[in-house]
Amino acid sequence: MGKSTSKSKSSYSSKKSNNKLMLILFPVVLVVLLGLIFVLNQQSTEIGKQQRDERVVDFKLEGQPILGSPEAKVTVVEFGDYKCPACKFWEDTNYKQLKADFIDTGKIQFSFMNYPFLAPDSRTAALAGEAVYAHNPEAFWAYHEAIYAGQKDEREQWATPEYLVEIAKKAVPSMDSAQLLKQIQDESYKKEVDQDLAFVQQAKPQGTPAFYINGKEYTGQWDSYPALKQAIEDALAAVK
């Protein structure tokens, strides 16, 4: 009986020691695993960024809204969504500086492409823009600016065909309102919007607004004009 009791106590002590050891080791192992996951994620992020930095997209700008000199050796392509608040902010602030510094001076060609991903009426606004562009390429930019000026809460479905036509009446008086309404409702320029989405698939922008300078993704802070300006100046210096 004595031996059995002694053996039971020994076994119990051993199990207790093992449990204590597990309690001590578990946090250590967990910290090591979490650290390893963090390092791997960082490496994956860096590799992804490097791949984006190295990728060059061959944008075909024929048939796209373009501003600037056709002789310019640097092109800047913006992907935008008319319902995107960040795009409106960029349009209201940084775009004006970009236009004065690089577009009006003939240093770059600037083009806008649709990336309507926020809501179904993002696509409606894109269709309206394409319809106006087909009617009058020069008038597109006035309408483009007017849609952003008339932007409402992104949570609301405000970009209806009727509202977009009302914007066009003021921004592009020469546009036939009834015709524009029908073209939006019939998705007459679906092909043009889908063409932009095909470029989205190639470029893989991380969101909107997104910028590509001579086909290479600008990976700096989207709302920092000084950073974007420097990236464009670097591209200009590289082609001299």
C-alpha atoms as a PDB file:
ATOM      1  CA  MET A   1       0.000   0.000   0.000  1.00  0.00           C
ATOM      2  CA  GLY A   2       2.833   2.361   0.940  1.00  0.00           C
ATOM      3  CA  LYS A   3       4.600   1.853  -2.365  1.00  0.00           C
ATOM      4  CA  SER A   4       1.435   2.485  -4.372  1.00  0.00           C
ATOM      5  CA  THR A   5       0.737   5.754  -2.544  1.00  0.00           C
ATOM      6  CA  SER A   6       4.322   6.900  -3.048  1.00  0.00           C
ATOM      7  CA  LYS A   7       4.111   6.102  -6.757  1.00  0.00           C
ATOM      8  CA  SER A   8       0.818   7.999  -7.065  1.00  0.00           C
ATOM      9  CA  LYS A   9       2.313  11.067  -5.352  1.00  0.00           C
ATOM     10  CA  SER A  10       5.355  10.898  -7.621  1.00  0.00           C
ATOM     11  CA  SER A  11       3.156  10.652 -10.709  1.00  0.00           C
ATOM     12  CA  TYR A  12       1.031  13.572  -9.521  1.00  0.00           C
ATOM     13  CA  SER A  13       4.120  15.714  -8.860  1.00  0.00           C
ATOM     14  CA  SER A  14       5.464  14.884 -12.312  1.00  0.00           C
ATOM     15  CA  LYS A  15       2.209  15.901 -13.981  1.00  0.00           C
ATOM     16  CA  LYS A  16       2.109  19.104 -11.931  1.00  0.00           C
ATOM     17  CA  SER A  17       5.659  19.957 -12.989  1.00  0.00           C
ATOM     18  CA  ASN A  18       4.815  19.274 -16.624  1.00  0.00           C
ATOM     19  CA  ASN A  19       1.770  21.531 -16.404  1.00  0.00           C
ATOM     20  CA  LYS A  20       3.851  24.321 -14.908  1.00  0.00           C
ATOM     21  CA  LEU A  21       6.421  23.901 -17.672  1.00  0.00           C
ATOM     22  CA  MET A  22       3.697  24.058 -20.301  1.00  0.00           C
ATOM     23  CA  LEU A  23       2.314  27.224 -18.737  1.00  0.00           C
ATOM     24  CA  ILE A  24       5.768  28.797 -18.875  1.00  0.00           C
ATOM     25  CA  LEU A  25       6.604  27.631 -22.406  1.00  0.00           C
ATOM     26  CA  PHE A  26       3.247  28.370 -24.041  1.00  0.00           C
ATOM     27  CA  PRO A  27       3.546  32.197 -23.903  1.00  0.00           C
ATOM     28  CA  VAL A  28       7.124  31.991 -25.143  1.00  0.00           C
ATOM     29  CA  VAL A  29       6.143  29.792 -28.098  1.00  0.00           C
ATOM     30  CA  LEU A  30       3.174  32.060 -28.836  1.00  0.00           C
ATOM     31  CA  VAL A  31       5.375  35.165 -28.885  1.00  0.00           C
ATOM     32  CA  VAL A  32       7.874  33.442 -31.187  1.00  0.00           C
ATOM     33  CA  LEU A  33       5.092  32.352 -33.575  1.00  0.00           C
ATOM     34  CA  LEU A  34       3.515  35.820 -33.618  1.00  0.00           C
ATOM     35  CA  GLY A  35       6.928  37.350 -34.269  1.00  0.00           C
ATOM     36  CA  LEU A  36       7.515  34.944 -37.141  1.00  0.00           C
ATOM     37  CA  ILE A  37       4.103  35.739 -38.643  1.00  0.00           C
ATOM     38  CA  PHE A  38       4.835  39.470 -38.371  1.00  0.00           C
ATOM     39  CA  VAL A  39       8.203  39.101 -40.115  1.00  0.00           C
ATOM     40  CA  LEU A  40       6.686  36.984 -42.901  1.00  0.00           C
ATOM     41  CA  ASN A  41       3.880  39.502 -43.386  1.00  0.00           C
ATOM     42  CA  GLN A  42       6.402  42.349 -43.564  1.00  0.00           C
ATOM     43  CA  GLN A  43       8.442  40.448 -46.125  1.00  0.00           C
ATOM     44  CA  SER A  44       5.311  39.686 -48.146  1.00  0.00           C
ATOM     45  CA  THR A  45       4.302  43.368 -48.051  1.00  0.00           C
ATOM     46  CA  GLU A  46       7.763  44.476 -49.165  1.00  0.00           C
ATOM     47  CA  ILE A  47       7.807  41.929 -51.991  1.00  0.00           C
ATOM     48  CA  GLY A  48       4.333  43.059 -53.106  1.00  0.00           C
ATOM     49  CA  LYS A  49       5.389  46.717 -53.048  1.00  0.00           C
ATOM     50  CA  GLN A  50       8.572  45.932 -54.964  1.00  0.00           C
ATOM     51  CA  GLN A  51       6.563  44.055 -57.597  1.00  0.00           C
ATOM     52  CA  ARG A  52       4.174  47.014 -57.923  1.00  0.00           C
ATOM     53  CA  ASP A  53       7.110  49.412 -58.200  1.00  0.00           C
ATOM     54  CA  GLU A  54       8.656  47.355 -60.987  1.00  0.00           C
ATOM     55  CA  ARG A  55       5.446  46.675 -62.944  1.00  0.00           C
ATOM     56  CA  VAL A  56       4.875  48.919 -65.958  1.00  0.00           C
ATOM     57  CA  VAL A  57       1.366  49.043 -67.418  1.00  0.00           C
ATOM     58  CA  ASP A  58       1.069  49.747 -71.138  1.00  0.00           C
ATOM     59  CA  PHE A  59      -1.852  52.172 -71.077  1.00  0.00           C
ATOM     60  CA  LYS A  60      -3.514  52.740 -74.438  1.00  0.00           C
ATOM     61  CA  LEU A  61      -4.754  56.312 -74.182  1.00  0.00           C
ATOM     62  CA  GLU A  62      -6.461  56.446 -77.568  1.00  0.00           C
ATOM     63  CA  GLY A  63     -10.124  57.220 -76.953  1.00  0.00           C
ATOM     64  CA  GLN A  64      -9.472  58.319 -73.367  1.00  0.00           C
ATOM     65  CA  PRO A  65     -10.003  61.817 -71.943  1.00  0.00           C
ATOM     66  CA  ILE A  66      -6.604  63.533 -72.162  1.00  0.00           C
ATOM     67  CA  LEU A  67      -5.255  66.916 -71.139  1.00  0.00           C
ATOM     68  CA  GLY A  68      -1.827  68.330 -71.921  1.00  0.00           C
ATOM     69  CA  SER A  69       0.593  68.393 -74.801  1.00  0.00           C
ATOM     70  CA  PRO A  70       0.636  65.384 -77.161  1.00  0.00           C
ATOM     71  CA  GLU A  71       4.398  65.963 -77.344  1.00  0.00           C
ATOM     72  CA  ALA A  72       4.844  65.341 -73.603  1.00  0.00           C
ATOM     73  CA  LYS A  73       7.110  62.401 -72.784  1.00  0.00           C
ATOM     74  CA  VAL A  74       5.495  61.745 -69.400  1.00  0.00           C
ATOM     75  CA  THR A  75       1.929  60.543 -68.926  1.00  0.00           C
ATOM     76  CA  VAL A  76      -0.017  60.503 -65.680  1.00  0.00           C
ATOM     77  CA  VAL A  77      -3.109  58.305 -65.480  1.00  0.00           C
ATOM     78  CA  GLU A  78      -5.581  58.679 -62.623  1.00  0.00           C
ATOM     79  CA  PHE A  79      -8.063  55.992 -61.634  1.00  0.00           C
ATOM     80  CA  GLY A  80     -11.065  57.500 -59.891  1.00  0.00           C
ATOM     81  CA  ASP A  81     -14.593  56.823 -58.670  1.00  0.00           C
ATOM     82  CA  TYR A  82     -17.033  59.749 -58.795  1.00  0.00           C
ATOM     83  CA  LYS A  83     -18.525  58.638 -55.463  1.00  0.00           C
ATOM     84  CA  CYS A  84     -15.143  58.520 -53.729  1.00  0.00           C
ATOM     85  CA  PRO A  85     -14.698  61.331 -51.142  1.00  0.00           C
ATOM     86  CA  ALA A  86     -10.901  61.049 -51.408  1.00  0.00           C
ATOM     87  CA  CYS A  87     -11.147  61.553 -55.181  1.00  0.00           C
ATOM     88  CA  LYS A  88     -13.234  64.694 -54.640  1.00  0.00           C
ATOM     89  CA  PHE A  89     -10.693  65.996 -52.134  1.00  0.00           C
ATOM     90  CA  TRP A  90      -7.875  65.392 -54.611  1.00  0.00           C
ATOM     91  CA  GLU A  91      -9.869  67.035 -57.413  1.00  0.00           C
ATOM     92  CA  ASP A  92     -10.596  70.102 -55.273  1.00  0.00           C
ATOM     93  CA  THR A  93      -7.020  70.572 -54.076  1.00  0.00           C
ATOM     94  CA  ASN A  94      -4.118  68.699 -55.659  1.00  0.00           C
ATOM     95  CA  TYR A  95      -5.494  68.541 -59.202  1.00  0.00           C
ATOM     96  CA  LYS A  96      -5.471  72.321 -59.532  1.00  0.00           C
ATOM     97  CA  GLN A  97      -1.796  72.396 -58.545  1.00  0.00           C
ATOM     98  CA  LEU A  98      -0.980  69.532 -60.913  1.00  0.00           C
ATOM     99  CA  LYS A  99      -2.733  71.304 -63.768  1.00  0.00           C
ATOM    100  CA  ALA A 100      -0.863  74.555 -63.188  1.00  0.00           C
ATOM    101  CA  ASP A 101       2.550  72.915 -62.739  1.00  0.00           C
ATOM    102  CA  PHE A 102       2.530  70.194 -65.361  1.00  0.00           C
ATOM    103  CA  ILE A 103      -0.534  70.134 -67.635  1.00  0.00           C
ATOM    104  CA  ASP A 104      -0.839  73.806 -68.584  1.00  0.00           C
ATOM    105  CA  THR A 105       2.940  73.986 -69.058  1.00  0.00           C
ATOM    106  CA  GLY A 106       2.887  71.067 -71.521  1.00  0.00           C
ATOM    107  CA  LYS A 107       5.169  68.868 -69.432  1.00  0.00           C
ATOM    108  CA  ILE A 108       2.780  65.915 -69.095  1.00  0.00           C
ATOM    109  CA  GLN A 109      -0.277  64.306 -70.590  1.00  0.00           C
ATOM    110  CA  PHE A 110      -2.958  63.607 -68.012  1.00  0.00           C
ATOM    111  CA  SER A 111      -5.743  61.067 -68.417  1.00  0.00           C
ATOM    112  CA  PHE A 112      -8.653  59.949 -66.249  1.00  0.00           C
ATOM    113  CA  MET A 113      -9.932  56.362 -66.148  1.00  0.00           C
ATOM    114  CA  ASN A 114     -12.995  55.049 -64.358  1.00  0.00           C
ATOM    115  CA  TYR A 115     -12.668  52.658 -61.446  1.00  0.00           C
ATOM    116  CA  PRO A 116     -16.322  52.517 -60.284  1.00  0.00           C
ATOM    117  CA  PHE A 117     -16.180  50.124 -57.337  1.00  0.00           C
ATOM    118  CA  LEU A 118     -17.814  51.838 -54.356  1.00  0.00           C
ATOM    119  CA  ALA A 119     -21.473  51.336 -55.284  1.00  0.00           C
ATOM    120  CA  PRO A 120     -23.747  50.520 -58.242  1.00  0.00           C
ATOM    121  CA  ASP A 121     -24.301  54.212 -58.953  1.00  0.00           C
ATOM    122  CA  SER A 122     -20.525  54.688 -59.232  1.00  0.00           C
ATOM    123  CA  ARG A 123     -20.928  52.883 -62.538  1.00  0.00           C
ATOM    124  CA  THR A 124     -23.902  55.084 -63.455  1.00  0.00           C
ATOM    125  CA  ALA A 125     -21.717  58.176 -63.021  1.00  0.00           C
ATOM    126  CA  ALA A 126     -18.959  56.572 -65.107  1.00  0.00           C
ATOM    127  CA  LEU A 127     -21.462  55.846 -67.905  1.00  0.00           C
ATOM    128  CA  ALA A 128     -22.600  59.471 -67.813  1.00  0.00           C
ATOM    129  CA  GLY A 129     -19.027  60.715 -68.082  1.00  0.00           C
ATOM    130  CA  GLU A 130     -18.354  58.485 -71.077  1.00  0.00           C
ATOM    131  CA  ALA A 131     -21.536  59.704 -72.775  1.00  0.00           C
ATOM    132  CA  VAL A 132     -20.509  63.339 -72.375  1.00  0.00           C
ATOM    133  CA  TYR A 133     -16.994  62.532 -73.617  1.00  0.00           C
ATOM    134  CA  ALA A 134     -18.448  60.897 -76.750  1.00  0.00           C
ATOM    135  CA  HIS A 135     -20.590  63.991 -77.330  1.00  0.00           C
ATOM    136  CA  ASN A 136     -17.756  66.479 -76.815  1.00  0.00           C
ATOM    137  CA  PRO A 137     -14.291  65.442 -75.579  1.00  0.00           C
ATOM    138  CA  GLU A 138     -13.457  69.035 -74.628  1.00  0.00           C
ATOM    139  CA  ALA A 139     -16.629  69.335 -72.534  1.00  0.00           C
ATOM    140  CA  PHE A 140     -15.807  66.165 -70.597  1.00  0.00           C
ATOM    141  CA  TRP A 141     -13.495  67.918 -68.159  1.00  0.00           C
ATOM    142  CA  ALA A 142     -16.107  70.508 -67.199  1.00  0.00           C
ATOM    143  CA  TYR A 143     -18.580  67.704 -66.534  1.00  0.00           C
ATOM    144  CA  HIS A 144     -15.940  65.667 -64.703  1.00  0.00           C
ATOM    145  CA  GLU A 145     -15.339  68.610 -62.362  1.00  0.00           C
ATOM    146  CA  ALA A 146     -19.079  69.264 -61.971  1.00  0.00           C
ATOM    147  CA  ILE A 147     -19.829  65.681 -60.873  1.00  0.00           C
ATOM    148  CA  TYR A 148     -17.273  65.952 -58.084  1.00  0.00           C
ATOM    149  CA  ALA A 149     -18.683  69.362 -57.137  1.00  0.00           C
ATOM    150  CA  GLY A 150     -22.132  67.778 -56.900  1.00  0.00           C
ATOM    151  CA  GLN A 151     -20.939  64.729 -54.963  1.00  0.00           C
ATOM    152  CA  LYS A 152     -23.113  63.728 -51.995  1.00  0.00           C
ATOM    153  CA  ASP A 153     -22.708  61.275 -49.121  1.00  0.00           C
ATOM    154  CA  GLU A 154     -21.120  58.087 -50.459  1.00  0.00           C
ATOM    155  CA  ARG A 155     -23.614  56.039 -48.416  1.00  0.00           C
ATOM    156  CA  GLU A 156     -26.488  57.473 -50.457  1.00  0.00           C
ATOM    157  CA  GLN A 157     -27.384  56.335 -53.962  1.00  0.00           C
ATOM    158  CA  TRP A 158     -27.273  59.865 -55.330  1.00  0.00           C
ATOM    159  CA  ALA A 159     -25.695  59.334 -58.772  1.00  0.00           C
ATOM    160  CA  THR A 160     -28.989  58.637 -60.513  1.00  0.00           C
ATOM    161  CA  PRO A 161     -29.412  59.192 -64.270  1.00  0.00           C
ATOM    162  CA  GLU A 162     -31.745  62.115 -63.540  1.00  0.00           C
ATOM    163  CA  TYR A 163     -29.325  63.835 -61.156  1.00  0.00           C
ATOM    164  CA  LEU A 164     -26.387  63.331 -63.529  1.00  0.00           C
ATOM    165  CA  VAL A 165     -28.421  64.911 -66.348  1.00  0.00           C
ATOM    166  CA  GLU A 166     -29.191  67.902 -64.121  1.00  0.00           C
ATOM    167  CA  ILE A 167     -25.459  68.364 -63.565  1.00  0.00           C
ATOM    168  CA  ALA A 168     -24.862  68.163 -67.310  1.00  0.00           C
ATOM    169  CA  LYS A 169     -27.463  70.848 -68.048  1.00  0.00           C
ATOM    170  CA  LYS A 170     -25.324  73.377 -66.170  1.00  0.00           C
ATOM    171  CA  ALA A 171     -21.850  72.073 -67.016  1.00  0.00           C
ATOM    172  CA  VAL A 172     -22.457  71.155 -70.673  1.00  0.00           C
ATOM    173  CA  PRO A 173     -25.409  73.222 -71.984  1.00  0.00           C
ATOM    174  CA  SER A 174     -24.853  71.950 -75.535  1.00  0.00           C
ATOM    175  CA  MET A 175     -25.664  68.380 -74.462  1.00  0.00           C
ATOM    176  CA  ASP A 176     -29.104  67.053 -75.429  1.00  0.00           C
ATOM    177  CA  SER A 177     -30.550  66.228 -71.989  1.00  0.00           C
ATOM    178  CA  ALA A 178     -33.103  63.713 -73.237  1.00  0.00           C
ATOM    179  CA  GLN A 179     -30.472  61.926 -75.290  1.00  0.00           C
ATOM    180  CA  LEU A 180     -28.029  61.852 -72.369  1.00  0.00           C
ATOM    181  CA  LEU A 181     -30.680  60.418 -70.033  1.00  0.00           C
ATOM    182  CA  LYS A 182     -31.458  57.647 -72.518  1.00  0.00           C
ATOM    183  CA  GLN A 183     -27.768  56.865 -73.069  1.00  0.00           C
ATOM    184  CA  ILE A 184     -27.173  56.534 -69.327  1.00  0.00           C
ATOM    185  CA  GLN A 185     -30.249  54.367 -68.816  1.00  0.00           C
ATOM    186  CA  ASP A 186     -29.414  52.179 -71.831  1.00  0.00           C
ATOM    187  CA  GLU A 187     -25.739  51.908 -70.808  1.00  0.00           C
ATOM    188  CA  SER A 188     -24.809  53.019 -74.307  1.00  0.00           C
ATOM    189  CA  TYR A 189     -21.157  53.439 -73.291  1.00  0.00           C
ATOM    190  CA  LYS A 190     -20.802  50.223 -71.313  1.00  0.00           C
ATOM    191  CA  LYS A 191     -17.953  49.156 -73.615  1.00  0.00           C
ATOM    192  CA  GLU A 192     -15.917  52.244 -72.719  1.00  0.00           C
ATOM    193  CA  VAL A 193     -16.400  51.735 -68.975  1.00  0.00           C
ATOM    194  CA  ASP A 194     -15.488  48.055 -69.332  1.00  0.00           C
ATOM    195  CA  GLN A 195     -12.351  49.075 -71.214  1.00  0.00           C
ATOM    196  CA  ASP A 196     -11.299  51.149 -68.207  1.00  0.00           C
ATOM    197  CA  LEU A 197     -12.028  48.189 -65.943  1.00  0.00           C
ATOM    198  CA  ALA A 198      -9.770  46.057 -68.133  1.00  0.00           C
ATOM    199  CA  PHE A 199      -6.965  48.504 -67.364  1.00  0.00           C
ATOM    200  CA  VAL A 200      -7.877  48.214 -63.689  1.00  0.00           C
ATOM    201  CA  GLN A 201      -7.264  44.475 -63.953  1.00  0.00           C
ATOM    202  CA  GLN A 202      -3.832  45.130 -65.454  1.00  0.00           C
ATOM    203  CA  ALA A 203      -2.791  47.939 -63.136  1.00  0.00           C
ATOM    204  CA  LYS A 204      -4.332  46.543 -59.925  1.00  0.00           C
ATOM    205  CA  PRO A 205      -4.680  49.901 -58.129  1.00  0.00           C
ATOM    206  CA  GLN A 206      -5.010  49.644 -54.348  1.00  0.00           C
ATOM    207  CA  GLY A 207      -7.952  52.070 -54.296  1.00  0.00           C
ATOM    208  CA  THR A 208      -8.907  55.510 -55.542  1.00  0.00           C
ATOM    209  CA  PRO A 209      -7.510  57.917 -56.381  1.00  0.00           C
ATOM    210  CA  ALA A 210      -4.582  55.976 -57.838  1.00  0.00           C
ATOM    211  CA  PHE A 211      -1.897  57.364 -60.136  1.00  0.00           C
ATOM    212  CA  TYR A 212       0.434  55.839 -62.713  1.00  0.00           C
ATOM    213  CA  ILE A 213       3.383  57.813 -64.046  1.00  0.00           C
ATOM    214  CA  ASN A 214       4.570  56.479 -67.410  1.00  0.00           C
ATOM    215  CA  GLY A 215       2.815  53.234 -66.537  1.00  0.00           C
ATOM    216  CA  LYS A 216       4.419  52.826 -63.109  1.00  0.00           C
ATOM    217  CA  GLU A 217       2.299  53.006 -59.993  1.00  0.00           C
ATOM    218  CA  TYR A 218       2.854  56.010 -57.765  1.00  0.00           C
ATOM    219  CA  THR A 219       3.150  54.439 -54.309  1.00  0.00           C
ATOM    220  CA  GLY A 220       3.515  57.605 -52.258  1.00  0.00           C
ATOM    221  CA  GLN A 221       0.860  59.197 -50.079  1.00  0.00           C
ATOM    222  CA  TRP A 222      -2.142  59.892 -52.341  1.00  0.00           C
ATOM    223  CA  ASP A 223      -2.987  63.260 -50.753  1.00  0.00           C
ATOM    224  CA  SER A 224       0.587  64.572 -50.635  1.00  0.00           C
ATOM    225  CA  TYR A 225       1.012  66.833 -53.634  1.00  0.00           C
ATOM    226  CA  PRO A 226       4.723  67.490 -52.910  1.00  0.00           C
ATOM    227  CA  ALA A 227       5.388  63.735 -53.051  1.00  0.00           C
ATOM    228  CA  LEU A 228       3.466  63.295 -56.314  1.00  0.00           C
ATOM    229  CA  LYS A 229       5.145  66.376 -57.775  1.00  0.00           C
ATOM    230  CA  GLN A 230       8.578  64.958 -56.941  1.00  0.00           C
ATOM    231  CA  ALA A 231       7.693  61.614 -58.545  1.00  0.00           C
ATOM    232  CA  ILE A 232       6.622  63.392 -61.747  1.00  0.00           C
ATOM    233  CA  GLU A 233       9.745  65.536 -61.762  1.00  0.00           C
ATOM    234  CA  ASP A 234      11.862  62.400 -61.362  1.00  0.00           C
ATOM    235  CA  ALA A 235      10.087  60.872 -64.376  1.00  0.00           C
ATOM    236  CA  LEU A 236      10.662  64.033 -66.396  1.00  0.00           C
ATOM    237  CA  ALA A 237      14.350  64.017 -65.509  1.00  0.00           C
ATOM    238  CA  ALA A 238      14.625  60.367 -66.538  1.00  0.00           C
ATOM    239  CA  VAL A 239      13.364  61.009 -70.106  1.00  0.00           C
ATOM    240  CA  LYS A 240      15.503  64.077 -70.852  1.00  0.00           C
END
